[in-house]
C-alpha atoms as a PDB file:
ATOM      1  CA  MET A   1      67.529 -20.349  11.284  1.00  0.00           C
ATOM      2  CA  SER A   2      68.352 -23.621   9.583  1.00  0.00           C
ATOM      3  CA  ASP A   3      71.919 -24.260   8.429  1.00  0.00           C
ATOM      4  CA  PHE A   4      70.871 -27.163   6.161  1.00  0.00           C
ATOM      5  CA  LYS A   5      72.897 -27.059   2.932  1.00  0.00           C
ATOM      6  CA  THR A   6      71.163 -27.857  -0.357  1.00  0.00           C
ATOM      7  CA  VAL A   7      74.413 -28.080  -2.310  1.00  0.00           C
ATOM      8  CA  VAL A   8      75.560 -31.686  -2.750  1.00  0.00           C
ATOM      9  CA  GLU A   9      79.265 -32.129  -3.428  1.00  0.00           C
ATOM     10  CA  ALA A  10      80.651 -34.674  -5.902  1.00  0.00           C
ATOM     11  CA  GLU A  11      82.339 -36.577  -3.094  1.00  0.00           C
ATOM     12  CA  GLU A  12      78.998 -36.930  -1.302  1.00  0.00           C
ATOM     13  CA  ILE A  13      77.427 -38.345  -4.457  1.00  0.00           C
ATOM     14  CA  VAL A  14      80.214 -40.921  -4.827  1.00  0.00           C
ATOM     15  CA  ASN A  15      79.946 -41.902  -1.157  1.00  0.00           C
ATOM     16  CA  TYR A  16      76.189 -42.287  -1.475  1.00  0.00           C
ATOM     17  CA  LEU A  17      76.579 -44.531  -4.532  1.00  0.00           C
ATOM     18  CA  LYS A  18      79.045 -46.654  -2.567  1.00  0.00           C
ATOM     19  CA  GLN A  19      76.702 -46.935   0.404  1.00  0.00           C
ATOM     20  CA  GLU A  20      73.789 -47.900  -1.866  1.00  0.00           C
ATOM     21  CA  MET A  21      75.953 -50.480  -3.689  1.00  0.00           C
ATOM     22  CA  SER A  22      75.359 -48.538  -6.926  1.00  0.00           C
ATOM     23  CA  LEU A  23      78.857 -47.256  -7.662  1.00  0.00           C
ATOM     24  CA  LYS A  24      79.911 -50.350  -9.608  1.00  0.00           C
ATOM     25  CA  GLU A  25      76.834 -50.183 -11.847  1.00  0.00           C
ATOM     26  CA  THR A  26      77.374 -46.471 -12.487  1.00  0.00           C
ATOM     27  CA  ARG A  27      81.039 -47.049 -13.327  1.00  0.00           C
ATOM     28  CA  GLN A  28      80.049 -49.899 -15.651  1.00  0.00           C
ATOM     29  CA  ASN A  29      77.589 -47.679 -17.504  1.00  0.00           C
ATOM     30  CA  ILE A  30      80.292 -45.058 -17.990  1.00  0.00           C
ATOM     31  CA  LEU A  31      82.594 -47.720 -19.421  1.00  0.00           C
ATOM     32  CA  TYR A  32      79.803 -48.855 -21.743  1.00  0.00           C
ATOM     33  CA  GLN A  33      79.496 -45.277 -22.991  1.00  0.00           C
ATOM     34  CA  ARG A  34      83.230 -45.145 -23.721  1.00  0.00           C
ATOM     35  CA  VAL A  35      83.079 -48.407 -25.659  1.00  0.00           C
ATOM     36  CA  ILE A  36      80.074 -47.245 -27.683  1.00  0.00           C
ATOM     37  CA  ALA A  37      81.719 -43.920 -28.568  1.00  0.00           C
ATOM     38  CA  ARG A  38      84.985 -45.595 -29.600  1.00  0.00           C
ATOM     39  CA  VAL A  39      83.476 -48.347 -31.754  1.00  0.00           C
ATOM     40  CA  ALA A  40      80.867 -46.044 -33.313  1.00  0.00           C
ATOM     41  CA  GLN A  41      83.657 -43.718 -34.405  1.00  0.00           C
ATOM     42  CA  GLN A  42      85.601 -46.641 -35.867  1.00  0.00           C
ATOM     43  CA  LEU A  43      82.534 -47.741 -37.834  1.00  0.00           C
ATOM     44  CA  GLY A  44      81.645 -44.230 -38.946  1.00  0.00           C
ATOM     45  CA  ILE A  45      78.346 -44.174 -37.076  1.00  0.00           C
ATOM     46  CA  SER A  46      77.075 -40.775 -35.952  1.00  0.00           C
ATOM     47  CA  VAL A  47      73.912 -39.007 -34.841  1.00  0.00           C
ATOM     48  CA  SER A  48      72.721 -35.882 -36.622  1.00  0.00           C
ATOM     49  CA  SER A  49      71.276 -32.744 -35.061  1.00  0.00           C
ATOM     50  CA  LEU A  50      68.003 -33.481 -36.845  1.00  0.00           C
ATOM     51  CA  GLU A  51      67.793 -36.928 -35.227  1.00  0.00           C
ATOM     52  CA  ILE A  52      68.438 -35.427 -31.786  1.00  0.00           C
ATOM     53  CA  GLU A  53      65.774 -32.775 -32.369  1.00  0.00           C
ATOM     54  CA  LYS A  54      63.259 -35.388 -33.518  1.00  0.00           C
ATOM     55  CA  GLU A  55      63.876 -37.523 -30.401  1.00  0.00           C
ATOM     56  CA  ALA A  56      63.665 -34.451 -28.140  1.00  0.00           C
ATOM     57  CA  ASP A  57      60.288 -33.545 -29.681  1.00  0.00           C
ATOM     58  CA  LYS A  58      59.098 -37.098 -29.087  1.00  0.00           C
ATOM     59  CA  GLN A  59      60.096 -36.921 -25.421  1.00  0.00           C
ATOM     60  CA  ARG A  60      58.379 -33.555 -25.019  1.00  0.00           C
ATOM     61  CA  ARG A  61      55.144 -34.990 -26.409  1.00  0.00           C
ATOM     62  CA  GLU A  62      55.357 -38.008 -24.103  1.00  0.00           C
ATOM     63  CA  LEU A  63      55.957 -35.734 -21.104  1.00  0.00           C
ATOM     64  CA  GLN A  64      53.273 -33.279 -22.292  1.00  0.00           C
ATOM     65  CA  LEU A  65      55.734 -30.382 -22.327  1.00  0.00           C
ATOM     66  CA  GLU A  66      53.741 -28.191 -24.670  1.00  0.00           C
ATOM     67  CA  LYS A  67      55.590 -24.897 -24.157  1.00  0.00           C
ATOM     68  CA  ALA A  68      59.275 -24.030 -24.158  1.00  0.00           C
ATOM     69  CA  ALA A  69      58.854 -22.802 -20.586  1.00  0.00           C
ATOM     70  CA  ASP A  70      57.518 -26.246 -19.595  1.00  0.00           C
ATOM     71  CA  THR A  71      60.632 -27.888 -21.003  1.00  0.00           C
ATOM     72  CA  VAL A  72      62.932 -25.451 -19.200  1.00  0.00           C
ATOM     73  CA  ALA A  73      61.092 -26.082 -15.932  1.00  0.00           C
ATOM     74  CA  TRP A  74      61.350 -29.846 -16.425  1.00  0.00           C
ATOM     75  CA  LEU A  75      65.085 -29.641 -17.130  1.00  0.00           C
ATOM     76  CA  THR A  76      65.625 -27.436 -14.107  1.00  0.00           C
ATOM     77  CA  ASP A  77      63.663 -29.797 -11.892  1.00  0.00           C
ATOM     78  CA  ASN A  78      65.873 -32.669 -13.093  1.00  0.00           C
ATOM     79  CA  MET A  79      69.019 -30.577 -12.539  1.00  0.00           C
ATOM     80  CA  ILE A  80      70.231 -30.834 -16.143  1.00  0.00           C
ATOM     81  CA  SER A  81      70.987 -28.262 -18.800  1.00  0.00           C
ATOM     82  CA  PRO A  82      69.632 -28.317 -22.365  1.00  0.00           C
ATOM     83  CA  HIS A  83      73.129 -29.370 -23.454  1.00  0.00           C
ATOM     84  CA  ASP A  84      73.140 -32.288 -20.978  1.00  0.00           C
ATOM     85  CA  TRP A  85      69.759 -33.384 -22.292  1.00  0.00           C
ATOM     86  CA  GLU A  86      70.941 -33.320 -25.911  1.00  0.00           C
ATOM     87  CA  VAL A  87      74.118 -35.240 -25.076  1.00  0.00           C
ATOM     88  CA  GLY A  88      72.052 -37.887 -23.270  1.00  0.00           C
ATOM     89  CA  ILE A  89      69.756 -38.222 -26.288  1.00  0.00           C
ATOM     90  CA  ARG A  90      72.753 -38.443 -28.605  1.00  0.00           C
ATOM     91  CA  ASN A  91      74.350 -41.181 -26.495  1.00  0.00           C
ATOM     92  CA  ARG A  92      71.171 -43.293 -26.466  1.00  0.00           C
ATOM     93  CA  LEU A  93      70.612 -42.895 -30.212  1.00  0.00           C
ATOM     94  CA  LEU A  94      74.252 -43.751 -30.877  1.00  0.00           C
ATOM     95  CA  ALA A  95      73.934 -46.908 -28.783  1.00  0.00           C
ATOM     96  CA  ASP A  96      70.774 -47.900 -30.660  1.00  0.00           C
ATOM     97  CA  LYS A  97      72.422 -47.376 -34.043  1.00  0.00           C
ATOM     98  CA  LEU A  98      75.513 -49.335 -33.059  1.00  0.00           C
ATOM     99  CA  ALA A  99      73.471 -52.219 -31.666  1.00  0.00           C
ATOM    100  CA  GLU A 100      71.385 -52.366 -34.833  1.00  0.00           C
ATOM    101  CA  GLN A 101      74.397 -52.365 -37.146  1.00  0.00           C
ATOM    102  CA  MET A 102      76.307 -54.963 -35.146  1.00  0.00           C
ATOM    103  CA  PHE A 103      73.543 -57.388 -34.199  1.00  0.00           C
ATOM    104  CA  GLY A 104      70.419 -56.631 -36.243  1.00  0.00           C
ATOM    105  CA  LYS A 105      70.940 -59.555 -38.625  1.00  0.00           C
ATOM    106  CA  GLU A 106      72.155 -61.799 -35.803  1.00  0.00           C
ATOM    107  CA  VAL A 107      68.823 -61.400 -33.986  1.00  0.00           C
ATOM    108  CA  GLU A 108      66.839 -62.818 -36.892  1.00  0.00           C
ATOM    109  CA  LYS A 109      69.314 -65.666 -37.344  1.00  0.00           C
ATOM    110  CA  PHE A 110      69.236 -66.503 -33.627  1.00  0.00           C
ATOM    111  CA  PHE A 111      65.442 -66.455 -33.581  1.00  0.00           C
ATOM    112  CA  ILE A 112      65.168 -68.815 -36.562  1.00  0.00           C
ATOM    113  CA  GLN A 113      67.696 -71.231 -35.058  1.00  0.00           C
ATOM    114  CA  ASN A 114      65.923 -71.197 -31.681  1.00  0.00           C
ATOM    115  CA  ARG A 115      62.315 -70.799 -32.794  1.00  0.00           C
ATOM    116  CA  ALA A 116      61.102 -73.693 -30.624  1.00  0.00           C
ATOM    117  CA  SER A 117      62.325 -71.888 -27.505  1.00  0.00           C
ATOM    118  CA  PHE A 118      59.963 -69.003 -28.242  1.00  0.00           C
ATOM    119  CA  GLU A 119      56.808 -71.088 -28.702  1.00  0.00           C
ATOM    120  CA  GLN A 120      54.235 -70.762 -25.921  1.00  0.00           C
ATOM    121  CA  ILE A 121      51.145 -72.548 -24.694  1.00  0.00           C
ATOM    122  CA  ILE A 122      48.241 -71.406 -22.524  1.00  0.00           C
ATOM    123  CA  LEU A 123      48.524 -73.986 -19.758  1.00  0.00           C
ATOM    124  CA  TYR A 124      46.230 -75.184 -16.982  1.00  0.00           C
ATOM    125  CA  ARG A 125      47.488 -77.619 -14.355  1.00  0.00           C
ATOM    126  CA  ILE A 126      46.171 -79.672 -11.466  1.00  0.00           C
ATOM    127  CA  VAL A 127      48.672 -81.065  -8.958  1.00  0.00           C
ATOM    128  CA  VAL A 128      47.632 -83.588  -6.320  1.00  0.00           C
ATOM    129  CA  ALA A 129      49.647 -85.762  -3.948  1.00  0.00           C
ATOM    130  CA  ASN A 130      47.644 -88.971  -4.380  1.00  0.00           C
ATOM    131  CA  ASP A 131      47.840 -91.300  -7.402  1.00  0.00           C
ATOM    132  CA  LYS A 132      44.292 -92.645  -6.955  1.00  0.00           C
ATOM    133  CA  LEU A 133      42.869 -89.128  -6.689  1.00  0.00           C
ATOM    134  CA  ALA A 134      44.717 -88.105  -9.846  1.00  0.00           C
ATOM    135  CA  GLN A 135      43.305 -91.094 -11.747  1.00  0.00           C
ATOM    136  CA  GLU A 136      39.797 -90.469 -10.420  1.00  0.00           C
ATOM    137  CA  LEU A 137      39.935 -86.803 -11.431  1.00  0.00           C
ATOM    138  CA  TYR A 138      41.191 -87.803 -14.882  1.00  0.00           C
ATOM    139  CA  TYR A 139      38.203 -90.088 -15.483  1.00  0.00           C
ATOM    140  CA  GLN A 140      35.721 -87.596 -14.046  1.00  0.00           C
ATOM    141  CA  ILE A 141      37.029 -84.838 -16.310  1.00  0.00           C
ATOM    142  CA  GLU A 142      37.065 -87.160 -19.333  1.00  0.00           C
ATOM    143  CA  GLU A 143      33.466 -88.220 -18.634  1.00  0.00           C
ATOM    144  CA  ARG A 144      32.491 -84.562 -18.070  1.00  0.00           C
ATOM    145  CA  GLU A 145      31.331 -85.273 -14.562  1.00  0.00           C
ATOM    146  CA  ILE A 146      33.438 -82.319 -13.446  1.00  0.00           C
ATOM    147  CA  SER A 147      35.240 -79.585 -15.350  1.00  0.00           C
ATOM    148  CA  PHE A 148      39.019 -79.282 -15.293  1.00  0.00           C
ATOM    149  CA  TYR A 149      38.692 -75.820 -13.734  1.00  0.00           C
ATOM    150  CA  THR A 150      36.391 -76.995 -10.942  1.00  0.00           C
ATOM    151  CA  ALA A 151      38.667 -79.934 -10.184  1.00  0.00           C
ATOM    152  CA  ALA A 152      41.659 -77.593  -9.974  1.00  0.00           C
ATOM    153  CA  HIS A 153      39.734 -75.215  -7.730  1.00  0.00           C
ATOM    154  CA  ASN A 154      38.693 -78.008  -5.367  1.00  0.00           C
ATOM    155  CA  TYR A 155      41.675 -80.356  -5.254  1.00  0.00           C
ATOM    156  CA  ASP A 156      44.965 -78.717  -6.259  1.00  0.00           C
ATOM    157  CA  ILE A 157      47.571 -78.719  -3.478  1.00  0.00           C
ATOM    158  CA  ASP A 158      48.613 -75.130  -4.259  1.00  0.00           C
ATOM    159  CA  GLN A 159      46.347 -72.441  -2.855  1.00  0.00           C
ATOM    160  CA  ASN A 160      47.158 -69.883  -5.527  1.00  0.00           C
ATOM    161  CA  ARG A 161      46.515 -72.339  -8.350  1.00  0.00           C
ATOM    162  CA  ARG A 162      43.203 -73.305  -6.715  1.00  0.00           C
ATOM    163  CA  ARG A 163      42.159 -69.661  -6.786  1.00  0.00           C
ATOM    164  CA  LEU A 164      43.095 -69.466 -10.464  1.00  0.00           C
ATOM    165  CA  CYS A 165      41.348 -72.765 -11.263  1.00  0.00           C
ATOM    166  CA  GLY A 166      44.616 -74.268 -12.500  1.00  0.00           C
ATOM    167  CA  TYR A 167      45.564 -71.384 -14.784  1.00  0.00           C
ATOM    168  CA  GLU A 168      49.307 -70.940 -15.270  1.00  0.00           C
ATOM    169  CA  GLY A 169      49.066 -68.610 -18.230  1.00  0.00           C
ATOM    170  CA  PRO A 170      51.233 -68.358 -21.344  1.00  0.00           C
ATOM    171  CA  VAL A 171      54.417 -70.346 -20.683  1.00  0.00           C
ATOM    172  CA  TYR A 172      57.548 -71.022 -22.702  1.00  0.00           C
ATOM    173  CA  ARG A 173      59.006 -74.490 -23.127  1.00  0.00           C
ATOM    174  CA  TRP A 174      61.957 -73.631 -20.869  1.00  0.00           C
ATOM    175  CA  GLU A 175      59.711 -72.389 -18.054  1.00  0.00           C
ATOM    176  CA  ILE A 176      58.250 -75.792 -17.205  1.00  0.00           C
ATOM    177  CA  GLU A 177      59.614 -79.199 -16.291  1.00  0.00           C
ATOM    178  CA  THR A 178      61.334 -80.987 -19.197  1.00  0.00           C
ATOM    179  CA  VAL A 179      59.213 -84.125 -18.900  1.00  0.00           C
ATOM    180  CA  ILE A 180      56.023 -82.040 -19.044  1.00  0.00           C
ATOM    181  CA  ALA A 181      57.258 -79.725 -21.812  1.00  0.00           C
ATOM    182  CA  SER A 182      58.044 -82.683 -24.069  1.00  0.00           C
ATOM    183  CA  VAL A 183      54.417 -83.800 -23.784  1.00  0.00           C
ATOM    184  CA  VAL A 184      52.374 -80.600 -23.758  1.00  0.00           C
ATOM    185  CA  PHE A 185      54.219 -78.983 -26.672  1.00  0.00           C
ATOM    186  CA  ASN A 186      53.601 -82.076 -28.793  1.00  0.00           C
ATOM    187  CA  THR A 187      49.926 -82.561 -27.936  1.00  0.00           C
ATOM    188  CA  SER A 188      47.060 -80.857 -29.724  1.00  0.00           C
ATOM    189  CA  PRO A 189      45.158 -78.267 -27.668  1.00  0.00           C
ATOM    190  CA  GLN A 190      41.978 -79.077 -25.779  1.00  0.00           C
ATOM    191  CA  GLN A 191      43.138 -82.536 -24.674  1.00  0.00           C
ATOM    192  CA  LEU A 192      43.504 -83.811 -21.121  1.00  0.00           C
ATOM    193  CA  ILE A 193      47.033 -84.966 -20.335  1.00  0.00           C
ATOM    194  CA  GLY A 194      48.248 -87.057 -17.425  1.00  0.00           C
ATOM    195  CA  PRO A 195      48.587 -88.013 -14.751  1.00  0.00           C
ATOM    196  CA  ILE A 196      52.341 -87.382 -14.943  1.00  0.00           C
ATOM    197  CA  LYS A 197      54.341 -88.138 -11.815  1.00  0.00           C
ATOM    198  CA  ILE A 198      57.014 -85.644 -10.808  1.00  0.00           C
ATOM    199  CA  GLU A 199      58.724 -86.389  -7.513  1.00  0.00           C
ATOM    200  CA  GLN A 200      55.893 -87.195  -5.102  1.00  0.00           C
ATOM    201  CA  CYS A 201      53.074 -85.396  -6.957  1.00  0.00           C
ATOM    202  CA  TYR A 202      50.772 -86.162  -9.888  1.00  0.00           C
ATOM    203  CA  HIS A 203      50.031 -83.605 -12.587  1.00  0.00           C
ATOM    204  CA  LEU A 204      46.992 -83.296 -14.836  1.00  0.00           C
ATOM    205  CA  LEU A 205      47.398 -80.810 -17.691  1.00  0.00           C
ATOM    206  CA  TRP A 206      45.195 -79.001 -20.140  1.00  0.00           C
ATOM    207  CA  VAL A 207      46.553 -76.955 -23.036  1.00  0.00           C
ATOM    208  CA  GLU A 208      44.072 -74.332 -24.100  1.00  0.00           C
ATOM    209  CA  GLU A 209      46.066 -72.925 -26.996  1.00  0.00           C
ATOM    210  CA  HIS A 210      49.394 -73.122 -28.800  1.00  0.00           C
ATOM    211  CA  ILE A 211      50.999 -69.719 -29.469  1.00  0.00           C
ATOM    212  CA  PRO A 212      53.421 -69.926 -32.417  1.00  0.00           C
ATOM    213  CA  ALA A 213      56.809 -68.251 -32.101  1.00  0.00           C
ATOM    214  CA  GLU A 214      56.815 -64.800 -33.664  1.00  0.00           C
ATOM    215  CA  LEU A 215      59.593 -62.236 -33.908  1.00  0.00           C
ATOM    216  CA  THR A 216      57.567 -59.268 -32.684  1.00  0.00           C
ATOM    217  CA  GLN A 217      59.060 -55.805 -32.409  1.00  0.00           C
ATOM    218  CA  SER A 218      59.310 -56.054 -28.616  1.00  0.00           C
ATOM    219  CA  ARG A 219      60.967 -59.497 -28.795  1.00  0.00           C
ATOM    220  CA  TYR A 220      63.370 -58.257 -31.482  1.00  0.00           C
ATOM    221  CA  LYS A 221      64.344 -55.336 -29.253  1.00  0.00           C
ATOM    222  CA  GLU A 222      64.739 -57.606 -26.234  1.00  0.00           C
ATOM    223  CA  LEU A 223      67.073 -59.984 -28.092  1.00  0.00           C
ATOM    224  CA  LEU A 224      69.000 -57.122 -29.660  1.00  0.00           C
ATOM    225  CA  ASN A 225      69.554 -55.473 -26.280  1.00  0.00           C
ATOM    226  CA  HIS A 226      70.648 -58.790 -24.769  1.00  0.00           C
ATOM    227  CA  MET A 227      73.254 -59.409 -27.480  1.00  0.00           C
ATOM    228  CA  PHE A 228      74.471 -55.822 -27.301  1.00  0.00           C
ATOM    229  CA  LYS A 229      74.779 -55.942 -23.510  1.00  0.00           C
ATOM    230  CA  GLN A 230      76.783 -59.176 -23.672  1.00  0.00           C
ATOM    231  CA  TRP A 231      79.152 -57.584 -26.156  1.00  0.00           C
ATOM    232  CA  LEU A 232      79.460 -54.428 -24.031  1.00  0.00           C
ATOM    233  CA  ASN A 233      80.300 -56.507 -20.966  1.00  0.00           C
ATOM    234  CA  SER A 234      83.049 -58.251 -22.883  1.00  0.00           C
ATOM    235  CA  GLU A 235      84.492 -55.012 -24.276  1.00  0.00           C
ATOM    236  CA  ALA A 236      84.300 -53.200 -20.934  1.00  0.00           C
ATOM    237  CA  GLN A 237      86.542 -55.845 -19.374  1.00  0.00           C
ATOM    238  CA  GLN A 238      89.445 -54.126 -21.087  1.00  0.00           C
ATOM    239  CA  TYR A 239      88.994 -51.217 -18.678  1.00  0.00           C
ATOM    240  CA  ALA A 240      88.615 -53.383 -15.554  1.00  0.00           C
END
Protein backbone atom coordinates (compact mmCIF):
# COMPACT_ATOMS: atom_id res chain seq x y z
CA MET A 1 0.00 0.00 0.00
CA SER A 2 1.43 3.36 -0.96
CA ASP A 3 2.05 5.95 1.75
CA PHE A 4 2.36 8.81 -0.78
CA LYS A 5 0.70 11.95 0.63
CA THR A 6 -1.33 14.16 -1.70
CA VAL A 7 -1.61 16.99 0.81
CA VAL A 8 0.97 19.72 0.15
CA GLU A 9 1.80 21.90 3.14
CA ALA A 10 2.35 25.67 2.90
CA GLU A 11 5.98 25.26 3.92
CA GLU A 12 6.53 22.83 1.04
CA ILE A 13 5.07 25.34 -1.40
CA VAL A 14 7.38 28.09 -0.14
CA ASN A 15 10.41 25.79 -0.32
CA TYR A 16 9.49 24.78 -3.86
CA LEU A 17 9.19 28.43 -4.93
CA LYS A 18 12.62 29.07 -3.43
CA GLN A 19 14.16 26.10 -5.23
CA GLU A 20 12.60 27.19 -8.55
CA MET A 21 13.80 30.79 -8.03
CA SER A 22 10.15 31.91 -8.12
CA LEU A 23 9.67 33.12 -4.55
CA LYS A 24 10.87 36.66 -5.26
CA GLU A 25 8.49 37.04 -8.21
CA THR A 26 5.57 35.71 -6.16
CA ARG A 27 6.39 38.07 -3.29
CA GLN A 28 6.63 40.97 -5.75
CA ASN A 29 3.21 40.19 -7.18
CA ILE A 30 1.73 40.17 -3.68
CA LEU A 31 3.28 43.58 -3.03
CA TYR A 32 1.85 44.84 -6.31
CA GLN A 33 -1.59 43.71 -5.15
CA ARG A 34 -1.19 45.63 -1.89
CA VAL A 35 -0.18 48.78 -3.74
CA ILE A 36 -3.11 48.49 -6.15
CA ALA A 37 -5.62 47.98 -3.33
CA ARG A 38 -4.26 50.93 -1.33
CA VAL A 39 -4.11 53.44 -4.18
CA ALA A 40 -7.44 52.34 -5.66
CA GLN A 41 -9.08 52.97 -2.30
CA GLN A 42 -7.46 56.40 -2.09
CA LEU A 43 -8.76 57.28 -5.55
CA GLY A 44 -12.21 55.85 -4.92
CA ILE A 45 -11.89 53.15 -7.56
CA SER A 46 -13.90 49.97 -7.02
CA VAL A 47 -15.25 46.96 -8.87
CA SER A 48 -18.94 46.12 -8.77
CA SER A 49 -20.53 42.70 -8.43
CA LEU A 50 -22.02 43.16 -11.90
CA GLU A 51 -18.57 43.74 -13.41
CA ILE A 52 -17.22 40.62 -11.70
CA GLU A 53 -20.18 38.58 -12.95
CA LYS A 54 -19.73 39.88 -16.50
CA GLU A 55 -16.01 38.96 -16.49
CA ALA A 56 -16.77 35.52 -15.00
CA ASP A 57 -19.30 34.87 -17.79
CA LYS A 58 -16.70 35.90 -20.35
CA GLN A 59 -14.17 33.46 -18.90
CA ARG A 60 -16.74 30.66 -18.86
CA ARG A 61 -17.47 31.22 -22.55
CA GLU A 62 -13.77 31.23 -23.40
CA LEU A 63 -13.26 27.99 -21.45
CA GLN A 64 -16.48 26.50 -22.88
CA LEU A 65 -17.92 25.91 -19.42
CA GLU A 66 -21.53 25.69 -20.51
CA LYS A 67 -23.05 24.23 -17.34
CA ALA A 68 -22.71 25.19 -13.69
CA ALA A 69 -21.36 21.70 -13.03
CA ASP A 70 -18.61 22.32 -15.62
CA THR A 71 -17.55 25.46 -13.79
CA VAL A 72 -17.51 23.69 -10.43
CA ALA A 73 -15.40 20.89 -11.90
CA TRP A 74 -12.98 23.40 -13.42
CA LEU A 75 -12.62 25.26 -10.12
CA THR A 76 -12.07 22.02 -8.25
CA ASP A 77 -9.45 20.89 -10.75
CA ASN A 78 -7.62 24.20 -10.24
CA MET A 79 -7.93 23.87 -6.44
CA ILE A 80 -9.78 27.17 -5.97
CA SER A 81 -13.15 28.04 -4.51
CA PRO A 82 -15.80 30.20 -6.21
CA HIS A 83 -14.85 32.94 -3.73
CA ASP A 84 -11.16 32.69 -4.70
CA TRP A 85 -12.12 32.95 -8.35
CA GLU A 86 -14.22 36.07 -7.76
CA VAL A 87 -11.49 37.72 -5.70
CA GLY A 88 -8.96 37.01 -8.47
CA ILE A 89 -11.30 38.55 -11.05
CA ARG A 90 -11.87 41.56 -8.81
CA ASN A 91 -8.13 42.09 -8.34
CA ARG A 92 -7.44 41.99 -12.09
CA LEU A 93 -10.32 44.35 -12.91
CA LEU A 94 -9.20 46.72 -10.16
CA ALA A 95 -5.67 46.75 -11.58
CA ASP A 96 -7.01 47.46 -15.07
CA LYS A 97 -9.17 50.34 -13.83
CA LEU A 98 -6.33 51.87 -11.84
CA ALA A 99 -3.90 51.60 -14.75
CA GLU A 100 -6.41 53.23 -17.08
CA GLN A 101 -7.14 56.12 -14.73
CA MET A 102 -3.49 56.79 -13.93
CA PHE A 103 -1.87 56.33 -17.33
CA GLY A 104 -4.56 56.23 -20.03
CA LYS A 105 -3.90 59.79 -21.20
CA GLU A 106 -0.15 59.38 -20.75
CA VAL A 107 -0.11 56.52 -23.27
CA GLU A 108 -1.52 58.69 -26.05
CA LYS A 109 0.85 61.53 -25.20
CA PHE A 110 3.86 59.19 -25.14
CA PHE A 111 2.87 57.66 -28.47
CA ILE A 112 2.52 61.05 -30.17
CA GLN A 113 5.88 62.22 -28.81
CA ASN A 114 7.60 59.00 -29.91
CA ARG A 115 5.65 58.22 -33.07
CA ALA A 116 8.81 57.71 -35.15
CA SER A 117 9.89 54.88 -32.84
CA PHE A 118 6.74 52.94 -33.74
CA GLU A 119 7.10 53.19 -37.53
CA GLN A 120 8.02 49.95 -39.28
CA ILE A 121 9.29 48.81 -42.65
CA ILE A 122 9.14 45.45 -44.42
CA LEU A 123 12.85 44.90 -44.95
CA TYR A 124 14.92 42.59 -47.14
CA ARG A 125 18.70 42.45 -46.77
CA ILE A 126 21.70 40.90 -48.46
CA VAL A 127 24.98 40.76 -46.54
CA VAL A 128 28.23 39.77 -48.23
CA ALA A 129 31.85 39.96 -47.11
CA ASN A 130 33.33 41.25 -50.37
CA ASP A 131 33.06 44.85 -51.64
CA LYS A 132 33.38 43.87 -55.32
CA LEU A 133 30.68 41.21 -54.97
CA ALA A 134 28.38 43.72 -53.30
CA GLN A 135 28.89 46.21 -56.14
CA GLU A 136 28.40 43.52 -58.79
CA LEU A 137 25.17 42.34 -57.16
CA TYR A 138 23.95 45.94 -56.96
CA TYR A 139 24.40 46.47 -60.71
CA GLN A 140 22.92 43.08 -61.59
CA ILE A 141 19.82 43.78 -59.51
CA GLU A 142 19.51 47.30 -60.92
CA GLU A 143 19.78 45.96 -64.48
CA ARG A 144 17.30 43.18 -63.63
CA GLU A 145 19.79 40.50 -64.51
CA ILE A 146 18.97 38.88 -61.17
CA SER A 147 16.26 39.51 -58.61
CA PHE A 148 17.06 40.77 -55.13
CA TYR A 149 15.54 37.60 -53.66
CA THR A 150 17.60 35.27 -55.85
CA ALA A 151 20.77 37.18 -55.05
CA ALA A 152 20.03 36.92 -51.32
CA HIS A 153 19.30 33.20 -51.66
CA ASN A 154 22.56 32.56 -53.52
CA TYR A 155 25.08 34.91 -51.92
CA ASP A 156 24.12 36.04 -48.41
CA ILE A 157 26.61 34.98 -45.73
CA ASP A 158 23.83 34.02 -43.31
CA GLN A 159 22.24 30.63 -43.92
CA ASN A 160 18.89 31.54 -42.42
CA ARG A 161 18.62 34.73 -44.46
CA ARG A 162 19.52 32.76 -47.61
CA ARG A 163 16.61 30.42 -46.91
CA LEU A 164 14.31 33.42 -46.49
CA CYS A 165 15.67 35.13 -49.61
CA GLY A 166 16.78 38.13 -47.56
CA TYR A 167 13.49 38.63 -45.74
CA GLU A 168 13.83 40.21 -42.29
CA GLY A 169 10.18 41.05 -41.86
CA PRO A 170 8.52 44.07 -40.25
CA VAL A 171 11.20 45.89 -38.23
CA TYR A 172 11.17 48.98 -36.04
CA ARG A 173 13.74 51.74 -36.36
CA TRP A 174 15.37 50.74 -33.06
CA GLU A 175 15.75 47.10 -34.11
CA ILE A 176 18.34 47.75 -36.82
CA GLU A 177 21.71 49.45 -37.01
CA THR A 178 21.53 53.25 -36.68
CA VAL A 179 23.40 53.91 -39.92
CA ILE A 180 20.99 51.65 -41.82
CA ALA A 181 17.86 52.93 -40.07
CA SER A 182 18.69 56.53 -41.00
CA VAL A 183 18.73 55.52 -44.67
CA VAL A 184 15.94 52.97 -45.04
CA PHE A 185 13.36 54.97 -43.07
CA ASN A 186 14.01 57.99 -45.29
CA THR A 187 13.96 56.19 -48.64
CA SER A 188 10.84 55.49 -50.65
CA PRO A 189 9.85 51.81 -50.90
CA GLN A 190 10.83 49.61 -53.82
CA GLN A 191 14.31 51.12 -54.19
CA LEU A 192 17.63 49.31 -53.97
CA ILE A 193 19.89 50.72 -51.26
CA GLY A 194 23.59 50.16 -50.73
CA PRO A 195 26.11 48.82 -50.50
CA ILE A 196 26.51 50.07 -46.92
CA LYS A 197 29.62 48.93 -45.07
CA ILE A 198 29.20 47.86 -41.46
CA GLU A 199 32.33 46.48 -39.84
CA GLN A 200 33.74 44.02 -42.38
CA CYS A 201 30.51 43.33 -44.32
CA TYR A 202 28.54 45.04 -47.09
CA HIS A 203 24.77 45.37 -46.96
CA LEU A 204 22.29 45.70 -49.81
CA LEU A 205 18.76 46.63 -48.72
CA TRP A 206 15.30 46.62 -50.19
CA VAL A 207 12.31 48.19 -48.46
CA GLU A 208 9.10 46.60 -49.62
CA GLU A 209 6.73 48.76 -47.62
CA HIS A 210 6.55 51.50 -45.00
CA ILE A 211 4.12 50.77 -42.15
CA PRO A 212 2.97 54.02 -40.50
CA ALA A 213 2.86 54.18 -36.71
CA GLU A 214 -0.61 53.47 -35.37
CA LEU A 215 -1.87 53.34 -31.80
CA THR A 216 -3.70 50.03 -32.10
CA GLN A 217 -5.59 48.52 -29.19
CA SER A 218 -2.87 45.93 -28.58
CA ARG A 219 -0.11 48.58 -28.68
CA TYR A 220 -2.12 50.83 -26.36
CA LYS A 221 -2.49 47.96 -23.89
CA GLU A 222 1.20 47.10 -24.15
CA LEU A 223 2.29 50.68 -23.40
CA LEU A 224 -0.27 51.04 -20.63
CA ASN A 225 0.91 47.84 -18.95
CA HIS A 226 4.54 48.95 -19.26
CA MET A 227 3.89 52.31 -17.59
CA PHE A 228 1.77 50.70 -14.89
CA LYS A 229 4.42 48.06 -14.16
CA GLN A 230 7.13 50.72 -13.86
CA TRP A 231 4.99 52.62 -11.38
CA LEU A 232 4.22 49.44 -9.42
CA ASN A 233 7.92 48.61 -9.19
CA SER A 234 8.62 52.05 -7.80
CA GLU A 235 5.78 51.89 -5.26
CA ALA A 236 6.63 48.34 -4.17
CA GLN A 237 10.11 49.49 -3.16
CA GLN A 238 8.53 50.95 -0.06
CA TYR A 239 7.92 47.40 1.17
CA ALA A 240 11.40 46.11 0.28
